[in-house]
Amino acid sequence: MVRTKALLIAIATILAVGSAGIWFLISEKQEAQERRAKFFGSSKEYTTSGGEKMKVEW
């Protein structure tokens, strides 16, 4: 009985730590993408269907 409770607590702890770690990695990846897009400029501006940037003529 005590062994089962300890095992369930250990599994719950591992799942909680794992999910928190995954959430942290996903949020960090999203932040990095936003910073990269802000620094280098969005790749969605002036794109062709092939994904290459078009020259903007002023």
Protein backbone atom coordinates (compact mmCIF):
# COMPACT_ATOMS: atom_id res chain seq x y z
CA MET A 1 0.00 0.00 0.00
CA VAL A 2 2.71 2.47 1.01
CA ARG A 3 4.84 1.29 -1.87
CA THR A 4 1.97 1.86 -4.33
CA LYS A 5 1.37 5.39 -3.03
CA ALA A 6 5.07 6.20 -3.30
CA LEU A 7 5.12 4.87 -6.85
CA LEU A 8 2.06 6.91 -7.84
CA ILE A 9 3.54 10.05 -6.27
CA ALA A 10 6.81 9.47 -8.14
CA ILE A 11 4.97 9.02 -11.46
CA ALA A 12 2.87 12.14 -10.88
CA THR A 13 5.99 14.15 -10.02
CA ILE A 14 7.82 12.96 -13.13
CA LEU A 15 4.82 13.82 -15.32
CA ALA A 16 4.47 17.26 -13.74
CA VAL A 17 8.15 18.09 -14.18
CA GLY A 18 8.15 16.73 -17.73
CA SER A 19 5.12 18.72 -18.80
CA ALA A 20 6.51 21.89 -17.24
CA GLY A 21 9.79 21.33 -19.09
CA ILE A 22 8.03 20.78 -22.40
CA TRP A 23 5.93 23.91 -21.88
CA PHE A 24 9.08 25.91 -21.12
CA LEU A 25 10.85 24.65 -24.25
CA ILE A 26 7.87 25.43 -26.47
CA SER A 27 7.53 28.96 -25.09
CA GLU A 28 11.27 29.60 -25.44
CA LYS A 29 11.21 28.38 -29.05
CA GLN A 30 8.31 30.69 -29.84
CA GLU A 31 10.06 33.65 -28.17
CA ALA A 32 13.23 32.93 -30.16
CA GLN A 33 11.29 32.85 -33.43
CA GLU A 34 9.63 36.17 -32.61
CA ARG A 35 12.97 37.77 -31.73
CA ARG A 36 14.56 36.40 -34.91
CA ALA A 37 11.70 37.71 -37.05
CA LYS A 38 11.88 41.09 -35.37
CA PHE A 39 15.67 41.33 -35.79
CA PHE A 40 16.00 40.06 -39.37
CA GLY A 41 12.63 41.22 -40.59
CA SER A 42 9.71 39.03 -41.33
CA SER A 43 10.25 36.57 -44.15
CA LYS A 44 6.56 36.91 -45.04
CA GLU A 45 7.00 40.41 -46.46
CA TYR A 46 7.51 40.71 -50.22
CA THR A 47 7.74 36.98 -50.82
CA THR A 48 7.08 35.13 -54.03
CA SER A 49 5.33 31.79 -54.21
CA GLY A 50 8.77 30.18 -54.24
CA GLY A 51 9.70 31.74 -50.92
CA GLU A 52 12.40 34.03 -52.27
CA LYS A 53 12.28 37.69 -51.37
CA MET A 54 11.41 40.06 -54.15
CA LYS A 55 13.38 43.23 -54.69
CA VAL A 56 11.38 46.23 -53.58
CA GLU A 57 11.65 49.03 -56.08
CA TRP A 58 11.18 52.52 -54.68
